[in-house]
Amino acid sequence: MKLSSLLERIDYEVLEGGDCEITGLVYDSRKVKKGDVFVCIKGAAFDGHDKADEVLMKGASAIIV
């Protein structure tokens, strides 16, 4: 699936890169695989935004912040 298809009814801004093929959607940085979209979630004890560099190194295709 293309990222644009996933986000087609949402107002969003692309900061870098472009439309890409995605294979999964995850919010747990430990489970990211190549081609996944990582969704940053800020919780009481953990902030997913702090894992952006890590998930890119694991092969995430995109990060939703």
Protein backbone atom coordinates (compact mmCIF):
# COMPACT_ATOMS: atom_id res chain seq x y z
CA MET A 1 0.00 0.00 0.00
CA LYS A 2 1.21 3.50 -0.70
CA LEU A 3 1.53 5.91 2.21
CA SER A 4 -0.68 8.41 0.39
CA SER A 5 -3.49 5.81 0.32
CA LEU A 6 -3.25 5.35 4.08
CA LEU A 7 -3.41 9.10 4.66
CA GLU A 8 -5.82 10.08 1.86
CA ARG A 9 -8.51 11.57 4.13
CA ILE A 10 -6.11 13.26 6.53
CA ASP A 11 -4.49 16.68 6.21
CA TYR A 12 -0.74 16.10 6.47
CA GLU A 13 2.60 17.57 5.52
CA VAL A 14 5.56 15.64 4.11
CA LEU A 15 8.76 16.97 5.66
CA GLU A 16 11.21 14.82 3.72
CA GLY A 17 10.98 12.20 1.00
CA GLY A 18 7.78 11.37 -0.77
CA ASP A 19 5.14 8.75 -1.32
CA CYS A 20 6.50 5.33 -0.42
CA GLU A 21 5.37 1.74 -0.28
CA ILE A 22 4.51 0.57 3.24
CA THR A 23 4.14 -2.94 4.58
CA GLY A 24 2.98 -2.36 8.15
CA LEU A 25 1.93 0.16 10.77
CA VAL A 26 3.51 -0.02 14.24
CA TYR A 27 3.79 2.08 17.40
CA ASP A 28 6.25 -0.16 19.27
CA SER A 29 9.81 0.73 18.20
CA ARG A 30 11.00 -2.77 19.13
CA LYS A 31 8.75 -4.28 16.45
CA VAL A 32 9.69 -2.04 13.51
CA LYS A 33 10.68 -3.85 10.31
CA LYS A 34 11.79 -2.59 6.92
CA GLY A 35 8.89 -0.91 5.13
CA ASP A 36 6.83 -0.15 8.26
CA VAL A 37 5.32 3.18 9.20
CA PHE A 38 6.12 4.10 12.81
CA VAL A 39 3.57 6.18 14.71
CA CYS A 40 5.08 8.26 17.52
CA ILE A 41 2.94 8.18 20.65
CA LYS A 42 3.74 10.05 23.84
CA GLY A 43 2.73 8.13 26.96
CA ALA A 44 3.13 8.61 30.70
CA ALA A 45 6.48 6.83 30.88
CA PHE A 46 7.69 6.72 27.28
CA ASP A 47 7.79 9.06 24.27
CA GLY A 48 7.90 7.43 20.84
CA HIS A 49 9.31 10.64 19.36
CA ASP A 50 12.60 9.78 21.09
CA LYS A 51 12.88 6.63 18.93
CA ALA A 52 12.68 8.33 15.51
CA ASP A 53 16.38 7.84 14.68
CA GLU A 54 16.30 4.23 15.86
CA VAL A 55 13.30 3.23 13.73
CA LEU A 56 14.81 4.83 10.65
CA MET A 57 17.95 2.74 11.17
CA LYS A 58 15.72 -0.36 11.39
CA GLY A 59 14.24 0.47 7.98
CA ALA A 60 11.00 2.31 8.70
CA SER A 61 9.63 3.87 5.51
CA ALA A 62 7.92 6.74 7.29
CA ILE A 63 7.30 8.24 10.73
CA ILE A 64 4.03 9.82 11.75
CA VAL A 65 4.48 12.48 14.43
